[in-house]
Amino acid sequence: MKILDRYILKKFFVTYFFVVAILISVIVVVDYTEKSDDFIKHDLSIAFIFKEYYLNYIPNMANTLSPIAIFITVVFMTARMASHTEIIAILSAGISFRRFLMPYVFGAIILGIFTFFMVGWIIPNAAKVQVAFQVKYLKNPFYYDDRDIHFRTDDSTYIYMEYYNNRNKTGYKFTMEKIADHRLFTKLRSDKITWDTTTQKWHLDKYLVHEFVGEKEEKMWEGSDMDTALTITPKYFENNYKLEETMTFDELENFIAEQKARGIGNIERFLNTKYERYAYPFAILILTIMGVIISSKKSRRGTGAQIAFGFTMAFIYLLFVIMSRSIAAGGTVSPMLAAWLPNITFFGITVFMYFTVPR
């Protein structure tokens, strides 16, 4: 590693952590101001709030801001180098622009790898505590309000509830069917099914069973009391607020596979989160290169104009990310394409700038 590489890398990391610290400090102050009434209402101490909420909130927010932070970092430090004619001196010494980019790329790769492990394992574990805090102290009580609920518990068993009350853990208008080879074999119906916390099973007070034998023969009987074990438990009807953020890579993969096996739709946000985590490290690399390109030339308008432009581009990228999530949730575009759309767009802009913008 040459002296130039060490010089740029030092500036890169110092500026990056400074920018992140400034942004996080501002956001924490604003967030605390907005939520102070809720904290006071629940009589929470500063130490408890910091330990249970902000200590777990800061890593997640730092990750969310990383595209903005990396872009501002690169534009700020490179624009300052350009204004001090350092870049002119470097290029005049026979170092190509591509070689000048190398320490930036190396720094972005290090941050990308670090970010990958953060979003895959560290941040989700921190989010478990943070989201639990939000649900308990900052959110209104949760009521499960979906209707006409369908689940597939295994290859041949399908259950249905008209609606479910998560307060008393009771489902209403319950039906369970056994279907194989396009034939209905049994059908169980009950007006009410309740979770028994003692036996950890579902309890039916009154039920009616239809059994279909052969093509036309049907047997029917009823009962007044029965416990049944289903793979569906009350946890499937609990608050799933930011659930995708609380899952590690392994947990997210297993959850998606489990939901697909049960025939449950509306998993686009989980798929989008999965693909976003893979896209994040590449976003850091793309934005780093773009930042160097737009700020490496000395501007007559001064460093401030370049930094302002960097802020603008960073927020445009963040807007793209938010839009992609909405597109994925709407189901109009595949979650993978939606998650990678900001990177694809900005990669195209970066390539165009690299070959056309004077450097």
Protein backbone atom coordinates (compact mmCIF):
# COMPACT_ATOMS: atom_id res chain seq x y z
CA MET A 1 0.00 0.00 0.00
CA LYS A 2 1.45 3.33 -1.10
CA ILE A 3 1.55 6.53 0.93
CA LEU A 4 -1.25 7.93 -1.26
CA ASP A 5 -3.48 4.94 -0.49
CA ARG A 6 -2.95 5.30 3.25
CA TYR A 7 -3.57 9.04 3.03
CA ILE A 8 -6.88 8.66 1.18
CA LEU A 9 -8.06 5.70 3.27
CA LYS A 10 -7.41 7.58 6.50
CA LYS A 11 -9.41 10.56 5.25
CA PHE A 12 -12.12 8.20 3.97
CA PHE A 13 -12.75 6.36 7.25
CA VAL A 14 -12.30 9.36 9.56
CA THR A 15 -14.72 11.46 7.52
CA TYR A 16 -17.20 8.59 7.20
CA PHE A 17 -17.43 7.96 10.95
CA PHE A 18 -17.61 11.70 11.59
CA VAL A 19 -20.52 12.10 9.15
CA VAL A 20 -22.34 9.08 10.63
CA ALA A 21 -21.84 10.41 14.17
CA ILE A 22 -23.23 13.83 13.23
CA LEU A 23 -26.27 12.41 11.43
CA ILE A 24 -27.02 9.93 14.22
CA SER A 25 -26.73 12.63 16.89
CA VAL A 26 -29.22 14.86 15.09
CA ILE A 27 -31.67 12.00 14.50
CA VAL A 28 -31.49 10.75 18.10
CA VAL A 29 -32.22 14.25 19.44
CA VAL A 30 -35.18 14.65 17.06
CA ASP A 31 -36.45 11.15 17.83
CA TYR A 32 -36.23 11.68 21.58
CA THR A 33 -38.08 14.98 21.28
CA GLU A 34 -40.90 13.30 19.33
CA LYS A 35 -41.20 10.37 21.74
CA SER A 36 -40.58 12.16 25.04
CA ASP A 37 -44.30 12.25 25.89
CA ASP A 38 -44.54 8.48 25.56
CA PHE A 39 -41.43 8.01 27.68
CA ILE A 40 -42.85 10.26 30.39
CA LYS A 41 -46.25 8.56 30.23
CA HIS A 42 -44.66 5.19 31.00
CA ASP A 43 -42.29 6.71 33.59
CA LEU A 44 -39.17 5.36 31.89
CA SER A 45 -35.71 6.34 33.11
CA ILE A 46 -33.07 7.76 30.77
CA ALA A 47 -30.80 4.79 31.48
CA PHE A 48 -33.55 2.30 30.60
CA ILE A 49 -34.47 4.18 27.41
CA PHE A 50 -30.87 4.32 26.28
CA LYS A 51 -30.17 0.64 27.07
CA GLU A 52 -33.36 -0.89 25.66
CA TYR A 53 -34.10 1.49 22.81
CA TYR A 54 -31.34 3.81 21.61
CA LEU A 55 -28.47 1.37 22.07
CA ASN A 56 -30.31 -0.93 19.65
CA TYR A 57 -31.78 1.86 17.51
CA ILE A 58 -28.45 3.49 16.62
CA PRO A 59 -26.96 0.52 14.65
CA ASN A 60 -30.14 0.19 12.60
CA MET A 61 -30.25 3.91 11.87
CA ALA A 62 -26.53 3.99 11.02
CA ASN A 63 -27.15 1.26 8.46
CA THR A 64 -30.17 3.07 7.01
CA LEU A 65 -28.10 6.22 6.62
CA SER A 66 -25.04 4.47 5.22
CA PRO A 67 -25.82 5.32 1.54
CA ILE A 68 -26.24 8.98 2.47
CA ALA A 69 -23.21 8.93 4.77
CA ILE A 70 -20.90 7.26 2.27
CA PHE A 71 -21.89 9.65 -0.51
CA ILE A 72 -21.51 12.75 1.63
CA THR A 73 -18.19 11.43 2.93
CA VAL A 74 -16.71 10.88 -0.52
CA VAL A 75 -18.01 14.16 -1.96
CA PHE A 76 -16.87 16.17 1.07
CA MET A 77 -13.32 14.79 1.28
CA THR A 78 -12.72 14.64 -2.47
CA ALA A 79 -14.09 18.15 -3.05
CA ARG A 80 -11.77 19.48 -0.34
CA MET A 81 -8.82 17.67 -1.96
CA ALA A 82 -9.78 19.19 -5.32
CA SER A 83 -10.13 22.70 -3.86
CA HIS A 84 -6.62 22.38 -2.40
CA THR A 85 -5.34 21.23 -5.84
CA GLU A 86 -4.22 17.94 -4.32
CA ILE A 87 -5.93 15.92 -7.05
CA ILE A 88 -4.29 17.99 -9.79
CA ALA A 89 -0.92 17.28 -8.20
CA ILE A 90 -1.69 13.55 -7.96
CA LEU A 91 -2.75 13.27 -11.60
CA SER A 92 0.16 15.46 -12.76
CA ALA A 93 2.55 13.01 -11.08
CA GLY A 94 1.51 10.38 -13.63
CA ILE A 95 -1.11 8.57 -11.53
CA SER A 96 -4.16 7.72 -13.61
CA PHE A 97 -7.67 8.53 -12.46
CA ARG A 98 -8.41 4.82 -12.31
CA ARG A 99 -5.44 4.30 -9.98
CA PHE A 100 -6.61 7.29 -7.93
CA LEU A 101 -9.93 5.50 -7.48
CA MET A 102 -8.36 2.33 -6.02
CA PRO A 103 -8.11 3.39 -2.33
CA TYR A 104 -11.71 4.60 -2.48
CA VAL A 105 -12.80 1.26 -3.91
CA PHE A 106 -10.79 -0.62 -1.30
CA GLY A 107 -12.36 1.43 1.50
CA ALA A 108 -15.85 0.87 0.05
CA ILE A 109 -15.25 -2.89 -0.12
CA ILE A 110 -14.21 -2.95 3.55
CA LEU A 111 -17.33 -0.99 4.53
CA GLY A 112 -19.44 -3.20 2.27
CA ILE A 113 -18.24 -6.40 3.94
CA PHE A 114 -18.75 -4.84 7.38
CA THR A 115 -22.26 -3.71 6.36
CA PHE A 116 -23.13 -7.17 5.06
CA PHE A 117 -22.43 -8.76 8.44
CA MET A 118 -24.18 -5.90 10.23
CA VAL A 119 -27.43 -6.18 8.26
CA GLY A 120 -27.29 -9.98 8.25
CA TRP A 121 -26.81 -10.72 11.92
CA ILE A 122 -25.91 -7.86 14.27
CA ILE A 123 -28.62 -5.32 13.42
CA PRO A 124 -31.51 -7.88 13.37
CA ASN A 125 -30.58 -9.06 16.88
CA ALA A 126 -30.47 -5.47 18.08
CA ALA A 127 -33.78 -4.79 16.32
CA LYS A 128 -35.47 -7.58 18.30
CA VAL A 129 -35.03 -5.53 21.49
CA GLN A 130 -35.75 -2.19 19.84
CA VAL A 131 -38.97 -3.32 18.13
CA ALA A 132 -40.19 -5.05 21.31
CA PHE A 133 -39.66 -1.73 23.12
CA GLN A 134 -41.60 0.17 20.45
CA VAL A 135 -44.50 -2.29 20.52
CA LYS A 136 -44.73 -2.17 24.32
CA TYR A 137 -44.27 1.54 24.98
CA LEU A 138 -44.71 3.52 21.76
CA LYS A 139 -47.43 1.77 19.76
CA ASN A 140 -51.16 1.40 20.25
CA PRO A 141 -52.45 -2.04 21.36
CA PHE A 142 -52.41 -4.50 18.47
CA TYR A 143 -55.60 -6.07 17.14
CA TYR A 144 -55.48 -8.75 14.47
CA ASP A 145 -57.98 -7.55 11.86
CA ASP A 146 -57.48 -9.83 8.85
CA ARG A 147 -60.54 -11.77 7.72
CA ASP A 148 -61.03 -14.95 5.70
CA ILE A 149 -57.76 -16.45 6.91
CA HIS A 150 -56.32 -19.40 4.99
CA PHE A 151 -53.38 -21.61 5.98
CA ARG A 152 -51.88 -24.78 4.59
CA THR A 153 -50.43 -26.75 7.49
CA ASP A 154 -48.98 -29.60 5.41
CA ASP A 155 -49.22 -31.07 1.92
CA SER A 156 -52.84 -32.19 2.38
CA THR A 157 -54.28 -30.13 5.27
CA TYR A 158 -55.89 -26.74 4.83
CA ILE A 159 -57.50 -24.62 7.53
CA TYR A 160 -59.72 -21.58 7.38
CA MET A 161 -60.99 -19.02 9.91
CA GLU A 162 -63.42 -16.25 9.19
CA TYR A 163 -61.63 -14.03 11.73
CA TYR A 164 -59.35 -14.29 14.75
CA ASN A 165 -59.27 -12.43 18.07
CA ASN A 166 -55.70 -12.19 19.30
CA ARG A 167 -56.82 -10.92 22.71
CA ASN A 168 -58.51 -14.17 23.74
CA LYS A 169 -56.61 -16.30 21.20
CA THR A 170 -59.80 -17.52 19.58
CA GLY A 171 -60.64 -18.16 15.93
CA TYR A 172 -64.23 -18.16 14.66
CA LYS A 173 -65.95 -20.17 11.90
CA PHE A 174 -63.10 -22.67 11.79
CA THR A 175 -62.74 -25.28 9.04
CA MET A 176 -60.06 -27.92 8.50
CA GLU A 177 -59.97 -29.98 5.30
CA LYS A 178 -57.90 -32.97 4.19
CA ILE A 179 -57.39 -32.89 0.43
CA ALA A 180 -55.28 -35.25 -1.68
CA ASP A 181 -55.24 -36.02 -5.40
CA HIS A 182 -57.86 -33.31 -5.93
CA ARG A 183 -60.28 -35.16 -3.61
CA LEU A 184 -61.78 -34.01 -0.33
CA PHE A 185 -61.42 -36.77 2.29
CA THR A 186 -62.45 -35.09 5.56
CA LYS A 187 -63.88 -31.76 6.60
CA LEU A 188 -64.07 -30.58 10.21
CA ARG A 189 -66.09 -27.53 11.16
CA SER A 190 -66.46 -25.64 14.40
CA ASP A 191 -67.88 -22.24 15.31
CA LYS A 192 -64.96 -21.54 17.62
CA ILE A 193 -61.40 -22.75 18.19
CA THR A 194 -59.42 -21.51 21.20
CA TRP A 195 -55.77 -21.84 22.17
CA ASP A 196 -55.25 -23.66 25.49
CA THR A 197 -52.13 -22.24 27.13
CA THR A 198 -51.94 -25.22 29.51
CA THR A 199 -51.92 -28.03 26.96
CA GLN A 200 -50.42 -25.88 24.19
CA LYS A 201 -53.12 -27.16 21.84
CA TRP A 202 -56.23 -25.82 20.14
CA HIS A 203 -59.55 -26.64 21.80
CA LEU A 204 -62.88 -27.09 20.00
CA ASP A 205 -66.06 -27.04 22.12
CA LYS A 206 -68.44 -28.27 19.44
CA TYR A 207 -67.48 -29.68 16.09
CA LEU A 208 -68.91 -31.49 13.08
CA VAL A 209 -66.90 -33.91 10.90
CA HIS A 210 -67.67 -34.99 7.36
CA GLU A 211 -65.76 -38.01 6.03
CA PHE A 212 -66.00 -38.85 2.35
CA VAL A 213 -65.48 -42.51 1.42
CA GLY A 214 -65.29 -43.42 -2.23
CA GLU A 215 -67.18 -41.38 -4.78
CA LYS A 216 -70.56 -40.94 -3.09
CA GLU A 217 -70.48 -42.35 0.44
CA GLU A 218 -70.31 -39.81 3.24
CA LYS A 219 -70.05 -40.31 7.00
CA MET A 220 -70.83 -37.56 9.46
CA TRP A 221 -70.53 -37.23 13.21
CA GLU A 222 -70.30 -34.49 15.79
CA GLY A 223 -68.67 -33.99 19.16
CA SER A 224 -68.71 -31.54 22.02
CA ASP A 225 -65.09 -31.43 23.12
CA MET A 226 -61.75 -32.02 21.36
CA ASP A 227 -58.13 -30.89 21.50
CA THR A 228 -56.08 -30.80 18.34
CA ALA A 229 -52.44 -30.00 17.63
CA LEU A 230 -51.82 -27.78 14.60
CA THR A 231 -48.58 -26.38 13.29
CA ILE A 232 -50.31 -22.99 13.41
CA THR A 233 -49.98 -21.33 16.83
CA PRO A 234 -51.06 -17.89 18.17
CA LYS A 235 -47.67 -16.45 17.23
CA TYR A 236 -48.88 -16.34 13.62
CA PHE A 237 -51.53 -13.84 14.65
CA GLU A 238 -49.31 -11.61 16.76
CA ASN A 239 -48.09 -8.14 15.84
CA ASN A 240 -45.65 -8.42 12.93
CA TYR A 241 -44.60 -4.78 13.11
CA LYS A 242 -41.12 -4.56 11.51
CA LEU A 243 -40.83 -8.33 11.84
CA GLU A 244 -38.55 -8.55 8.81
CA GLU A 245 -36.05 -6.22 10.48
CA THR A 246 -35.72 -8.51 13.50
CA MET A 247 -34.69 -11.59 11.50
CA THR A 248 -31.14 -12.65 10.75
CA PHE A 249 -30.34 -14.01 7.30
CA ASP A 250 -30.98 -17.59 8.43
CA GLU A 251 -34.22 -16.71 10.22
CA LEU A 252 -35.46 -14.72 7.23
CA GLU A 253 -34.73 -17.56 4.80
CA ASN A 254 -36.51 -20.08 7.04
CA PHE A 255 -39.49 -17.77 7.56
CA ILE A 256 -39.94 -17.16 3.81
CA ALA A 257 -39.69 -20.91 3.07
CA GLU A 258 -42.18 -21.66 5.85
CA GLN A 259 -44.67 -19.07 4.62
CA LYS A 260 -44.44 -20.37 1.06
CA ALA A 261 -44.97 -23.95 2.24
CA ARG A 262 -48.13 -22.88 4.06
CA GLY A 263 -49.45 -21.10 0.98
CA ILE A 264 -49.40 -17.71 2.66
CA GLY A 265 -49.18 -14.67 0.42
CA ASN A 266 -48.08 -11.11 1.19
CA ILE A 267 -44.44 -12.00 1.84
CA GLU A 268 -43.12 -9.42 -0.63
CA ARG A 269 -41.74 -7.16 2.11
CA PHE A 270 -39.76 -10.06 3.57
CA LEU A 271 -38.37 -10.95 0.15
CA ASN A 272 -37.57 -7.29 -0.51
CA THR A 273 -35.70 -7.09 2.82
CA LYS A 274 -33.72 -10.20 1.94
CA TYR A 275 -32.61 -8.85 -1.43
CA GLU A 276 -31.95 -5.37 -0.05
CA ARG A 277 -29.44 -6.83 2.38
CA TYR A 278 -27.50 -8.31 -0.51
CA ALA A 279 -27.76 -5.06 -2.47
CA TYR A 280 -26.51 -2.77 0.31
CA PRO A 281 -22.76 -3.54 0.01
CA PHE A 282 -22.88 -2.93 -3.75
CA ALA A 283 -24.69 0.36 -3.15
CA ILE A 284 -21.76 1.53 -1.03
CA LEU A 285 -19.31 0.74 -3.84
CA ILE A 286 -21.43 2.39 -6.55
CA LEU A 287 -22.05 5.56 -4.54
CA THR A 288 -18.38 5.81 -3.62
CA ILE A 289 -17.27 5.78 -7.26
CA MET A 290 -20.01 8.22 -8.25
CA GLY A 291 -19.02 10.55 -5.43
CA VAL A 292 -15.39 10.63 -6.55
CA ILE A 293 -16.36 11.33 -10.17
CA ILE A 294 -18.62 14.31 -9.40
CA SER A 295 -16.30 15.94 -6.86
CA SER A 296 -12.78 15.27 -8.16
CA LYS A 297 -12.72 18.33 -10.41
CA LYS A 298 -12.14 21.74 -8.87
CA SER A 299 -15.35 23.76 -9.15
CA ARG A 300 -15.63 27.52 -9.60
CA ARG A 301 -18.72 27.45 -7.42
CA GLY A 302 -16.66 26.12 -4.54
CA THR A 303 -16.73 23.06 -2.33
CA GLY A 304 -20.12 23.97 -0.86
CA ALA A 305 -21.90 23.50 -4.19
CA GLN A 306 -20.36 20.05 -4.64
CA ILE A 307 -21.31 19.02 -1.12
CA ALA A 308 -24.87 20.27 -1.69
CA PHE A 309 -25.01 18.26 -4.89
CA GLY A 310 -23.77 15.23 -2.95
CA PHE A 311 -26.58 15.66 -0.39
CA THR A 312 -29.10 15.90 -3.22
CA MET A 313 -27.90 12.73 -4.93
CA ALA A 314 -27.78 10.85 -1.64
CA PHE A 315 -31.38 11.74 -0.83
CA ILE A 316 -32.45 10.84 -4.37
CA TYR A 317 -30.91 7.41 -3.80
CA LEU A 318 -32.76 7.08 -0.48
CA LEU A 319 -35.98 8.10 -2.25
CA PHE A 320 -35.36 5.36 -4.81
CA VAL A 321 -34.98 2.83 -1.99
CA ILE A 322 -38.28 3.92 -0.40
CA MET A 323 -40.05 3.80 -3.77
CA SER A 324 -38.66 0.34 -4.49
CA ARG A 325 -40.09 -0.95 -1.21
CA SER A 326 -43.51 0.43 -2.11
CA ILE A 327 -43.29 -1.15 -5.56
CA ALA A 328 -42.32 -4.50 -4.05
CA ALA A 329 -45.15 -4.32 -1.50
CA GLY A 330 -47.63 -3.60 -4.29
CA GLY A 331 -46.57 -6.74 -6.14
CA THR A 332 -46.22 -4.98 -9.50
CA VAL A 333 -42.50 -5.81 -9.69
CA SER A 334 -40.62 -8.77 -8.29
CA PRO A 335 -39.05 -8.04 -4.86
CA MET A 336 -35.58 -8.88 -6.22
CA LEU A 337 -35.85 -6.35 -9.05
CA ALA A 338 -37.34 -3.75 -6.71
CA ALA A 339 -34.51 -4.19 -4.20
CA TRP A 340 -31.83 -3.87 -6.89
CA LEU A 341 -33.55 -1.08 -8.86
CA PRO A 342 -31.76 1.80 -7.04
CA ASN A 343 -28.39 0.10 -7.59
CA ILE A 344 -29.12 -0.62 -11.26
CA THR A 345 -30.20 2.99 -11.84
CA PHE A 346 -27.24 4.57 -10.07
CA PHE A 347 -24.80 2.09 -11.63
CA GLY A 348 -25.98 3.21 -15.06
CA ILE A 349 -25.58 6.88 -14.07
CA THR A 350 -22.10 6.19 -12.67
CA VAL A 351 -20.92 4.44 -15.83
CA PHE A 352 -22.29 7.29 -17.95
CA MET A 353 -20.54 9.87 -15.79
CA TYR A 354 -17.26 7.95 -15.80
CA PHE A 355 -17.00 8.00 -19.58
CA THR A 356 -18.54 11.39 -20.32
CA VAL A 357 -17.97 13.78 -17.42
CA PRO A 358 -14.59 15.57 -17.46
CA ARG A 359 -12.41 14.43 -14.61
